PDB file of N, CA and C in Angstrom:
ATOM      1  N   UNK A   1       0.827  -1.194   0.000  1.00  0.00           N
ATOM      2  CA  UNK A   1       0.000   0.000   0.000  1.00  0.00           C
ATOM      3  C   UNK A   1       0.874   1.262   0.000  1.00  0.00           C
ATOM      4  N   UNK A   2       1.878   1.271   0.850  1.00  0.00           N
ATOM      5  CA  UNK A   2       2.767   2.434   0.904  1.00  0.00           C
ATOM      6  C   UNK A   2       3.535   2.606  -0.401  1.00  0.00           C
ATOM      7  N   UNK A   3       3.934   1.495  -1.010  1.00  0.00           N
ATOM      8  CA  UNK A   3       4.677   1.563  -2.267  1.00  0.00           C
ATOM      9  C   UNK A   3       3.817   2.136  -3.392  1.00  0.00           C
ATOM     10  N   UNK A   4       2.558   1.745  -3.433  1.00  0.00           N
ATOM     11  CA  UNK A   4       1.643   2.275  -4.455  1.00  0.00           C
ATOM     12  C   UNK A   4       1.474   3.769  -4.260  1.00  0.00           C
ATOM     13  N   UNK A   5       1.276   4.190  -3.026  1.00  0.00           N
ATOM     14  CA  UNK A   5       1.112   5.615  -2.741  1.00  0.00           C
ATOM     15  C   UNK A   5       2.375   6.381  -3.109  1.00  0.00           C
ATOM     16  N   UNK A   6       3.533   5.833  -2.773  1.00  0.00           N
ATOM     17  CA  UNK A   6       4.800   6.491  -3.137  1.00  0.00           C
ATOM     18  C   UNK A   6       4.935   6.603  -4.646  1.00  0.00           C
ATOM     19  N   UNK A   7       4.501   5.576  -5.370  1.00  0.00           N
ATOM     20  CA  UNK A   7       4.572   5.603  -6.831  1.00  0.00           C
ATOM     21  C   UNK A   7       3.670   6.701  -7.395  1.00  0.00           C
ATOM     22  N   UNK A   8       2.469   6.838  -6.854  1.00  0.00           N
ATOM     23  CA  UNK A   8       1.556   7.897  -7.313  1.00  0.00           C
ATOM     24  C   UNK A   8       2.160   9.270  -7.067  1.00  0.00           C
ATOM     25  N   UNK A   9       2.787   9.414  -5.913  1.00  0.00           N
ATOM     26  CA  UNK A   9       3.397  10.696  -5.572  1.00  0.00           C
ATOM     27  C   UNK A   9       4.548  11.004  -6.522  1.00  0.00           C
ATOM     28  N   UNK A  10       5.394  10.011  -6.736  1.00  0.00           N
ATOM     29  CA  UNK A  10       6.578  10.210  -7.568  1.00  0.00           C
ATOM     30  C   UNK A  10       6.224  10.340  -9.048  1.00  0.00           C
ATOM     31  N   UNK A  11       5.432   9.400  -9.545  1.00  0.00           N
ATOM     32  CA  UNK A  11       5.162   9.348 -10.978  1.00  0.00           C
ATOM     33  C   UNK A  11       4.211  10.440 -11.457  1.00  0.00           C
ATOM     34  N   UNK A  12       3.197  10.755 -10.645  1.00  0.00           N
ATOM     35  CA  UNK A  12       2.178  11.695 -11.107  1.00  0.00           C
ATOM     36  C   UNK A  12       2.217  13.040 -10.399  1.00  0.00           C
ATOM     37  N   UNK A  13       3.088  13.192  -9.428  1.00  0.00           N
ATOM     38  CA  UNK A  13       3.272  14.482  -8.779  1.00  0.00           C
ATOM     39  C   UNK A  13       2.216  14.864  -7.754  1.00  0.00           C
ATOM     40  N   UNK A  14       1.469  13.886  -7.259  1.00  0.00           N
ATOM     41  CA  UNK A  14       0.496  14.201  -6.216  1.00  0.00           C
ATOM     42  C   UNK A  14       1.223  14.483  -4.909  1.00  0.00           C
ATOM     43  N   UNK A  15       0.664  15.406  -4.144  1.00  0.00           N
ATOM     44  CA  UNK A  15       1.210  15.674  -2.818  1.00  0.00           C
ATOM     45  C   UNK A  15       0.664  14.633  -1.853  1.00  0.00           C
ATOM     46  N   UNK A  16       1.487  14.255  -0.879  1.00  0.00           N
ATOM     47  CA  UNK A  16       1.088  13.264   0.118  1.00  0.00           C
ATOM     48  C   UNK A  16       0.552  13.974   1.350  1.00  0.00           C
ATOM     49  N   UNK A  17      -0.577  13.499   1.853  1.00  0.00           N
ATOM     50  CA  UNK A  17      -1.159  14.065   3.059  1.00  0.00           C
ATOM     51  C   UNK A  17      -1.253  12.974   4.123  1.00  0.00           C
ATOM     52  N   UNK A  18      -0.349  13.005   5.114  1.00  0.00           N
ATOM     53  CA  UNK A  18      -0.434  12.018   6.202  1.00  0.00           C
ATOM     54  C   UNK A  18      -1.593  12.390   7.118  1.00  0.00           C
ATOM     55  N   UNK A  19      -2.523  11.477   7.286  1.00  0.00           N
ATOM     56  CA  UNK A  19      -3.741  11.787   8.037  1.00  0.00           C
ATOM     57  C   UNK A  19      -3.609  11.556   9.547  1.00  0.00           C
ATOM     58  N   UNK A  20      -2.569  10.871   9.969  1.00  0.00           N
ATOM     59  CA  UNK A  20      -2.433  10.485  11.375  1.00  0.00           C
ATOM     60  C   UNK A  20      -2.589  11.669  12.332  1.00  0.00           C
ATOM     61  N   UNK A  21      -1.969  12.789  12.037  1.00  0.00           N
ATOM     62  CA  UNK A  21      -2.017  13.942  12.939  1.00  0.00           C
ATOM     63  C   UNK A  21      -2.730  15.145  12.334  1.00  0.00           C
ATOM     64  N   UNK A  22      -3.521  14.899  11.292  1.00  0.00           N
ATOM     65  CA  UNK A  22      -4.201  15.998  10.606  1.00  0.00           C
ATOM     66  C   UNK A  22      -5.533  16.286  11.280  1.00  0.00           C
ATOM     67  N   UNK A  23      -5.827  17.553  11.480  1.00  0.00           N
ATOM     68  CA  UNK A  23      -7.089  17.966  12.089  1.00  0.00           C
ATOM     69  C   UNK A  23      -8.129  18.131  10.982  1.00  0.00           C
ATOM     70  N   UNK A  24      -8.979  17.123  10.824  1.00  0.00           N
ATOM     71  CA  UNK A  24      -9.975  17.104   9.757  1.00  0.00           C
ATOM     72  C   UNK A  24     -11.150  18.015  10.116  1.00  0.00           C
ATOM     73  N   UNK A  25     -11.603  18.786   9.141  1.00  0.00           N
ATOM     74  CA  UNK A  25     -12.700  19.726   9.337  1.00  0.00           C
ATOM     75  C   UNK A  25     -14.048  18.999   9.321  1.00  0.00           C
ATOM     76  N   UNK A  26     -14.837  19.207  10.368  1.00  0.00           N
ATOM     77  CA  UNK A  26     -16.170  18.601  10.433  1.00  0.00           C
ATOM     78  C   UNK A  26     -17.066  19.164   9.334  1.00  0.00           C
ATOM     79  N   UNK A  27     -16.867  20.433   8.992  1.00  0.00           N
ATOM     80  CA  UNK A  27     -17.644  21.038   7.900  1.00  0.00           C
ATOM     81  C   UNK A  27     -17.375  20.299   6.590  1.00  0.00           C
ATOM     82  N   UNK A  28     -16.111  20.000   6.334  1.00  0.00           N
ATOM     83  CA  UNK A  28     -15.751  19.291   5.106  1.00  0.00           C
ATOM     84  C   UNK A  28     -16.352  17.891   5.090  1.00  0.00           C
ATOM     85  N   UNK A  29     -16.248  17.190   6.210  1.00  0.00           N
ATOM     86  CA  UNK A  29     -16.795  15.829   6.310  1.00  0.00           C
ATOM     87  C   UNK A  29     -18.292  15.848   6.035  1.00  0.00           C
ATOM     88  N   UNK A  30     -18.965  16.879   6.502  1.00  0.00           N
ATOM     89  CA  UNK A  30     -20.407  16.992   6.312  1.00  0.00           C
ATOM     90  C   UNK A  30     -20.840  17.182   4.873  1.00  0.00           C
ATOM     91  N   UNK A  31     -19.908  17.503   3.989  1.00  0.00           N
ATOM     92  CA  UNK A  31     -20.254  17.747   2.586  1.00  0.00           C
ATOM     93  C   UNK A  31     -20.374  16.469   1.755  1.00  0.00           C
ATOM     94  N   UNK A  32     -19.750  15.403   2.211  1.00  0.00           N
ATOM     95  CA  UNK A  32     -19.736  14.160   1.432  1.00  0.00           C
ATOM     96  C   UNK A  32     -20.332  13.037   2.283  1.00  0.00           C
ATOM     97  N   UNK A  33     -21.370  12.373   1.770  1.00  0.00           N
ATOM     98  CA  UNK A  33     -21.963  11.269   2.535  1.00  0.00           C
ATOM     99  C   UNK A  33     -20.962  10.134   2.774  1.00  0.00           C
ATOM    100  N   UNK A  34     -21.143   9.445   3.882  1.00  0.00           N
ATOM    101  CA  UNK A  34     -20.233   8.362   4.253  1.00  0.00           C
ATOM    102  C   UNK A  34     -20.143   7.293   3.170  1.00  0.00           C
ATOM    103  N   UNK A  35     -21.279   6.938   2.564  1.00  0.00           N
ATOM    104  CA  UNK A  35     -21.233   5.878   1.541  1.00  0.00           C
ATOM    105  C   UNK A  35     -20.378   6.281   0.345  1.00  0.00           C
ATOM    106  N   UNK A  36     -20.373   7.544  -0.007  1.00  0.00           N
ATOM    107  CA  UNK A  36     -19.545   8.027  -1.118  1.00  0.00           C
ATOM    108  C   UNK A  36     -18.068   7.997  -0.709  1.00  0.00           C
ATOM    109  N   UNK A  37     -17.791   8.432   0.511  1.00  0.00           N
ATOM    110  CA  UNK A  37     -16.414   8.413   1.014  1.00  0.00           C
ATOM    111  C   UNK A  37     -15.866   6.988   1.006  1.00  0.00           C
ATOM    112  N   UNK A  38     -16.689   6.029   1.432  1.00  0.00           N
ATOM    113  CA  UNK A  38     -16.251   4.629   1.446  1.00  0.00           C
ATOM    114  C   UNK A  38     -16.126   4.059   0.033  1.00  0.00           C
ATOM    115  N   UNK A  39     -17.085   4.384  -0.823  1.00  0.00           N
ATOM    116  CA  UNK A  39     -17.075   3.871  -2.200  1.00  0.00           C
ATOM    117  C   UNK A  39     -15.792   4.258  -2.923  1.00  0.00           C
ATOM    118  N   UNK A  40     -15.386   5.513  -2.771  1.00  0.00           N
ATOM    119  CA  UNK A  40     -14.215   6.008  -3.492  1.00  0.00           C
ATOM    120  C   UNK A  40     -12.947   6.016  -2.634  1.00  0.00           C
ATOM    121  N   UNK A  41     -13.041   5.586  -1.387  1.00  0.00           N
ATOM    122  CA  UNK A  41     -11.921   5.604  -0.454  1.00  0.00           C
ATOM    123  C   UNK A  41     -11.263   6.989  -0.449  1.00  0.00           C
ATOM    124  N   UNK A  42     -12.091   7.954  -0.037  1.00  0.00           N
ATOM    125  CA  UNK A  42     -11.608   9.330   0.049  1.00  0.00           C
ATOM    126  C   UNK A  42     -12.121   9.957   1.331  1.00  0.00           C
ATOM    127  N   UNK A  43     -11.449  11.014   1.745  1.00  0.00           N
ATOM    128  CA  UNK A  43     -11.846  11.727   2.949  1.00  0.00           C
ATOM    129  C   UNK A  43     -11.763  13.224   2.687  1.00  0.00           C
ATOM    130  N   UNK A  44     -12.886  13.935   2.876  1.00  0.00           N
ATOM    131  CA  UNK A  44     -12.805  15.397   2.797  1.00  0.00           C
ATOM    132  C   UNK A  44     -12.107  15.892   4.055  1.00  0.00           C
ATOM    133  N   UNK A  45     -11.079  16.693   3.901  1.00  0.00           N
ATOM    134  CA  UNK A  45     -10.299  17.087   5.074  1.00  0.00           C
ATOM    135  C   UNK A  45     -10.398  18.569   5.420  1.00  0.00           C
ATOM    136  N   UNK A  46     -10.681  19.411   4.427  1.00  0.00           N
ATOM    137  CA  UNK A  46     -10.725  20.839   4.712  1.00  0.00           C
ATOM    138  C   UNK A  46     -11.501  21.560   3.620  1.00  0.00           C
ATOM    139  N   UNK A  47     -12.127  22.671   4.017  1.00  0.00           N
ATOM    140  CA  UNK A  47     -12.826  23.510   3.046  1.00  0.00           C
ATOM    141  C   UNK A  47     -12.489  24.954   3.346  1.00  0.00           C
ATOM    142  N   UNK A  48     -11.968  25.626   2.338  1.00  0.00           N
ATOM    143  CA  UNK A  48     -11.669  27.044   2.453  1.00  0.00           C
ATOM    144  C   UNK A  48     -12.365  27.725   1.291  1.00  0.00           C
ATOM    145  N   UNK A  49     -13.329  28.583   1.630  1.00  0.00           N
ATOM    146  CA  UNK A  49     -14.183  29.233   0.640  1.00  0.00           C
ATOM    147  C   UNK A  49     -14.821  28.161  -0.243  1.00  0.00           C
ATOM    148  N   UNK A  50     -14.509  28.167  -1.540  1.00  0.00           N
ATOM    149  CA  UNK A  50     -15.135  27.201  -2.451  1.00  0.00           C
ATOM    150  C   UNK A  50     -14.168  26.085  -2.848  1.00  0.00           C
ATOM    151  N   UNK A  51     -13.114  25.905  -2.078  1.00  0.00           N
ATOM    152  CA  UNK A  51     -12.116  24.872  -2.378  1.00  0.00           C
ATOM    153  C   UNK A  51     -12.191  23.772  -1.327  1.00  0.00           C
ATOM    154  N   UNK A  52     -12.421  22.552  -1.777  1.00  0.00           N
ATOM    155  CA  UNK A  52     -12.499  21.399  -0.889  1.00  0.00           C
ATOM    156  C   UNK A  52     -11.256  20.550  -1.082  1.00  0.00           C
ATOM    157  N   UNK A  53     -10.562  20.265  -0.001  1.00  0.00           N
ATOM    158  CA  UNK A  53      -9.384  19.410  -0.036  1.00  0.00           C
ATOM    159  C   UNK A  53      -9.800  18.004   0.355  1.00  0.00           C
ATOM    160  N   UNK A  54      -9.431  17.028  -0.488  1.00  0.00           N
ATOM    161  CA  UNK A  54      -9.741  15.636  -0.173  1.00  0.00           C
ATOM    162  C   UNK A  54      -8.478  14.793  -0.250  1.00  0.00           C
ATOM    163  N   UNK A  55      -8.445  13.781   0.599  1.00  0.00           N
ATOM    164  CA  UNK A  55      -7.374  12.786   0.569  1.00  0.00           C
ATOM    165  C   UNK A  55      -7.960  11.544  -0.084  1.00  0.00           C
ATOM    166  N   UNK A  56      -7.215  10.971  -1.034  1.00  0.00           N
ATOM    167  CA  UNK A  56      -7.703   9.804  -1.767  1.00  0.00           C
ATOM    168  C   UNK A  56      -6.644   8.716  -1.825  1.00  0.00           C
ATOM    169  N   UNK A  57      -7.092   7.474  -1.767  1.00  0.00           N
ATOM    170  CA  UNK A  57      -6.174   6.356  -1.962  1.00  0.00           C
ATOM    171  C   UNK A  57      -5.797   6.258  -3.436  1.00  0.00           C
ATOM    172  N   UNK A  58      -6.746   6.620  -4.326  1.00  0.00           N
ATOM    173  CA  UNK A  58      -6.486   6.596  -5.763  1.00  0.00           C
ATOM    174  C   UNK A  58      -6.802   7.975  -6.342  1.00  0.00           C
ATOM    175  N   UNK A  59      -5.845   8.894  -6.284  1.00  0.00           N
ATOM    176  CA  UNK A  59      -6.100  10.248  -6.780  1.00  0.00           C
ATOM    177  C   UNK A  59      -6.229  10.329  -8.304  1.00  0.00           C
ATOM    178  N   UNK A  60      -6.074   9.192  -8.984  1.00  0.00           N
ATOM    179  CA  UNK A  60      -6.263   9.163 -10.436  1.00  0.00           C
ATOM    180  C   UNK A  60      -7.716   8.877 -10.818  1.00  0.00           C
ATOM    181  N   UNK A  61      -8.579   8.649  -9.842  1.00  0.00           N
ATOM    182  CA  UNK A  61      -9.977   8.328 -10.101  1.00  0.00           C
ATOM    183  C   UNK A  61     -10.735   9.616 -10.440  1.00  0.00           C
ATOM    184  N   UNK A  62     -10.775   9.918 -11.731  1.00  0.00           N
ATOM    185  CA  UNK A  62     -11.395  11.154 -12.202  1.00  0.00           C
ATOM    186  C   UNK A  62     -12.894  11.167 -11.919  1.00  0.00           C
ATOM    187  N   UNK A  63     -13.556  10.016 -12.054  1.00  0.00           N
ATOM    188  CA  UNK A  63     -14.995   9.949 -11.784  1.00  0.00           C
ATOM    189  C   UNK A  63     -15.302  10.347 -10.349  1.00  0.00           C
ATOM    190  N   UNK A  64     -14.495   9.887  -9.407  1.00  0.00           N
ATOM    191  CA  UNK A  64     -14.697  10.236  -7.997  1.00  0.00           C
ATOM    192  C   UNK A  64     -14.567  11.745  -7.802  1.00  0.00           C
ATOM    193  N   UNK A  65     -13.552  12.323  -8.406  1.00  0.00           N
ATOM    194  CA  UNK A  65     -13.321  13.765  -8.279  1.00  0.00           C
ATOM    195  C   UNK A  65     -14.485  14.543  -8.890  1.00  0.00           C
ATOM    196  N   UNK A  66     -14.930  14.124 -10.075  1.00  0.00           N
ATOM    197  CA  UNK A  66     -16.060  14.791 -10.724  1.00  0.00           C
ATOM    198  C   UNK A  66     -17.329  14.662  -9.890  1.00  0.00           C
ATOM    199  N   UNK A  67     -17.560  13.485  -9.319  1.00  0.00           N
ATOM    200  CA  UNK A  67     -18.742  13.287  -8.469  1.00  0.00           C
ATOM    201  C   UNK A  67     -18.699  14.198  -7.248  1.00  0.00           C
ATOM    202  N   UNK A  68     -17.531  14.320  -6.626  1.00  0.00           N
ATOM    203  CA  UNK A  68     -17.392  15.183  -5.449  1.00  0.00           C
ATOM    204  C   UNK A  68     -17.603  16.646  -5.837  1.00  0.00           C
ATOM    205  N   UNK A  69     -17.046  17.062  -6.971  1.00  0.00           N
ATOM    206  CA  UNK A  69     -17.244  18.444  -7.427  1.00  0.00           C
ATOM    207  C   UNK A  69     -18.722  18.723  -7.683  1.00  0.00           C
ATOM    208  N   UNK A  70     -19.398  17.778  -8.333  1.00  0.00           N
ATOM    209  CA  UNK A  70     -20.818  17.947  -8.623  1.00  0.00           C
ATOM    210  C   UNK A  70     -21.636  17.996  -7.333  1.00  0.00           C
ATOM    211  N   UNK A  71     -21.342  17.102  -6.434  1.00  0.00           N
ATOM    212  CA  UNK A  71     -22.089  16.968  -5.186  1.00  0.00           C
ATOM    213  C   UNK A  71     -21.912  18.179  -4.268  1.00  0.00           C
ATOM    214  N   UNK A  72     -20.698  18.700  -4.210  1.00  0.00           N
ATOM    215  CA  UNK A  72     -20.385  19.765  -3.253  1.00  0.00           C
ATOM    216  C   UNK A  72     -20.396  21.159  -3.876  1.00  0.00           C
ATOM    217  N   UNK A  73     -20.393  21.231  -5.189  1.00  0.00           N
ATOM    218  CA  UNK A  73     -20.305  22.518  -5.909  1.00  0.00           C
ATOM    219  C   UNK A  73     -19.025  23.266  -5.546  1.00  0.00           C
ATOM    220  N   UNK A  74     -17.980  22.504  -5.221  1.00  0.00           N
ATOM    221  CA  UNK A  74     -16.680  23.075  -4.857  1.00  0.00           C
ATOM    222  C   UNK A  74     -15.623  22.652  -5.874  1.00  0.00           C
ATOM    223  N   UNK A  75     -14.571  23.444  -5.972  1.00  0.00           N
ATOM    224  CA  UNK A  75     -13.411  22.970  -6.710  1.00  0.00           C
ATOM    225  C   UNK A  75     -12.645  22.061  -5.751  1.00  0.00           C
ATOM    226  N   UNK A  76     -12.103  20.981  -6.288  1.00  0.00           N
ATOM    227  CA  UNK A  76     -11.497  19.958  -5.442  1.00  0.00           C
ATOM    228  C   UNK A  76      -9.987  19.937  -5.611  1.00  0.00           C
ATOM    229  N   UNK A  77      -9.292  19.942  -4.476  1.00  0.00           N
ATOM    230  CA  UNK A  77      -7.834  19.762  -4.445  1.00  0.00           C
ATOM    231  C   UNK A  77      -7.578  18.368  -3.910  1.00  0.00           C
ATOM    232  N   UNK A  78      -6.792  17.611  -4.636  1.00  0.00           N
ATOM    233  CA  UNK A  78      -6.604  16.195  -4.304  1.00  0.00           C
ATOM    234  C   UNK A  78      -5.202  15.939  -3.756  1.00  0.00           C
ATOM    235  N   UNK A  79      -5.157  15.162  -2.676  1.00  0.00           N
ATOM    236  CA  UNK A  79      -3.909  14.692  -2.100  1.00  0.00           C
ATOM    237  C   UNK A  79      -3.955  13.172  -2.025  1.00  0.00           C
ATOM    238  N   UNK A  80      -2.810  12.544  -2.088  1.00  0.00           N
ATOM    239  CA  UNK A  80      -2.715  11.090  -1.946  1.00  0.00           C
ATOM    240  C   UNK A  80      -2.521  10.749  -0.470  1.00  0.00           C
ATOM    241  N   UNK A  81      -3.207   9.699  -0.025  1.00  0.00           N
ATOM    242  CA  UNK A  81      -3.047   9.183   1.330  1.00  0.00           C
ATOM    243  C   UNK A  81      -3.175   7.675   1.296  1.00  0.00           C
ATOM    244  N   UNK A  82      -2.735   7.025   2.340  1.00  0.00           N
ATOM    245  CA  UNK A  82      -2.854   5.576   2.416  1.00  0.00           C
ATOM    246  C   UNK A  82      -4.321   5.182   2.600  1.00  0.00           C
ATOM    247  N   UNK A  83      -4.754   4.170   1.867  1.00  0.00           N
ATOM    248  CA  UNK A  83      -6.126   3.705   1.967  1.00  0.00           C
ATOM    249  C   UNK A  83      -6.500   3.293   3.378  1.00  0.00           C
ATOM    250  N   UNK A  84      -5.589   2.639   4.076  1.00  0.00           N
ATOM    251  CA  UNK A  84      -5.881   2.201   5.451  1.00  0.00           C
ATOM    252  C   UNK A  84      -6.073   3.407   6.371  1.00  0.00           C
ATOM    253  N   UNK A  85      -5.304   4.475   6.154  1.00  0.00           N
ATOM    254  CA  UNK A  85      -5.467   5.691   6.962  1.00  0.00           C
ATOM    255  C   UNK A  85      -6.814   6.355   6.665  1.00  0.00           C
ATOM    256  N   UNK A  86      -7.190   6.378   5.388  1.00  0.00           N
ATOM    257  CA  UNK A  86      -8.473   6.974   5.007  1.00  0.00           C
ATOM    258  C   UNK A  86      -9.625   6.195   5.634  1.00  0.00           C
ATOM    259  N   UNK A  87      -9.575   4.869   5.557  1.00  0.00           N
ATOM    260  CA  UNK A  87     -10.649   4.042   6.134  1.00  0.00           C
ATOM    261  C   UNK A  87     -10.748   4.253   7.637  1.00  0.00           C
ATOM    262  N   UNK A  88      -9.628   4.340   8.293  1.00  0.00           N
ATOM    263  CA  UNK A  88      -9.608   4.578   9.741  1.00  0.00           C
ATOM    264  C   UNK A  88     -10.248   5.942  10.056  1.00  0.00           C
ATOM    265  N   UNK A  89      -9.935   6.937   9.259  1.00  0.00           N
ATOM    266  CA  UNK A  89     -10.497   8.275   9.477  1.00  0.00           C
ATOM    267  C   UNK A  89     -11.995   8.311   9.154  1.00  0.00           C
ATOM    268  N   UNK A  90     -12.420   7.584   8.127  1.00  0.00           N
ATOM    269  CA  UNK A  90     -13.851   7.514   7.825  1.00  0.00           C
ATOM    270  C   UNK A  90     -14.582   6.932   9.032  1.00  0.00           C
ATOM    271  N   UNK A  91     -14.044   5.852   9.582  1.00  0.00           N
ATOM    272  CA  UNK A  91     -14.655   5.249  10.771  1.00  0.00           C
ATOM    273  C   UNK A  91     -14.715   6.253  11.927  1.00  0.00           C
ATOM    274  N   UNK A  92     -13.677   7.040  12.081  1.00  0.00           N
ATOM    275  CA  UNK A  92     -13.594   7.990  13.187  1.00  0.00           C
ATOM    276  C   UNK A  92     -14.519   9.199  12.975  1.00  0.00           C
ATOM    277  N   UNK A  93     -14.452   9.823  11.802  1.00  0.00           N
ATOM    278  CA  UNK A  93     -15.163  11.088  11.596  1.00  0.00           C
ATOM    279  C   UNK A  93     -16.629  10.935  11.215  1.00  0.00           C
ATOM    280  N   UNK A  94     -17.003   9.783  10.669  1.00  0.00           N
ATOM    281  CA  UNK A  94     -18.404   9.555  10.330  1.00  0.00           C
ATOM    282  C   UNK A  94     -19.127   8.779  11.421  1.00  0.00           C
ATOM    283  N   UNK A  95     -18.454   8.479  12.498  1.00  0.00           N
ATOM    284  CA  UNK A  95     -19.049   7.709  13.599  1.00  0.00           C
ATOM    285  C   UNK A  95     -20.300   8.428  14.118  1.00  0.00           C
ATOM    286  N   UNK A  96     -21.411   7.728  14.066  1.00  0.00           N
ATOM    287  CA  UNK A  96     -22.659   8.298  14.561  1.00  0.00           C
ATOM    288  C   UNK A  96     -23.322   9.253  13.599  1.00  0.00           C
ATOM    289  N   UNK A  97     -22.682   9.532  12.477  1.00  0.00           N
ATOM    290  CA  UNK A  97     -23.285  10.434  11.493  1.00  0.00           C
ATOM    291  C   UNK A  97     -24.147   9.653  10.520  1.00  0.00           C
ATOM    292  N   UNK A  98     -25.355  10.104  10.334  1.00  0.00           N
ATOM    293  CA  UNK A  98     -26.249   9.460   9.357  1.00  0.00           C
ATOM    294  C   UNK A  98     -27.093  10.525   8.712  1.00  0.00           C
TER     295      UNK A  98
END
């Protein structure tokens, strides 16, 4: 998993966002339903004005990015993160949210 993420960072120039100590915005999390976050293995982490920052296990998934842009009406900035870290954060930040 780490090797794939490193390859995406190196080969395609995505920035890496380590989620372990990142303070995720509850406002950002509220913009994307949990099922969508799980389906695409992504986590909304921050929103500043009309820009939404998301961490993705597969930042090459254009359909996911387009769906998030359509759903949130925001421009999306994509960072690469480990899928296991994203899943752990989804469990943490969507806990009790329905």
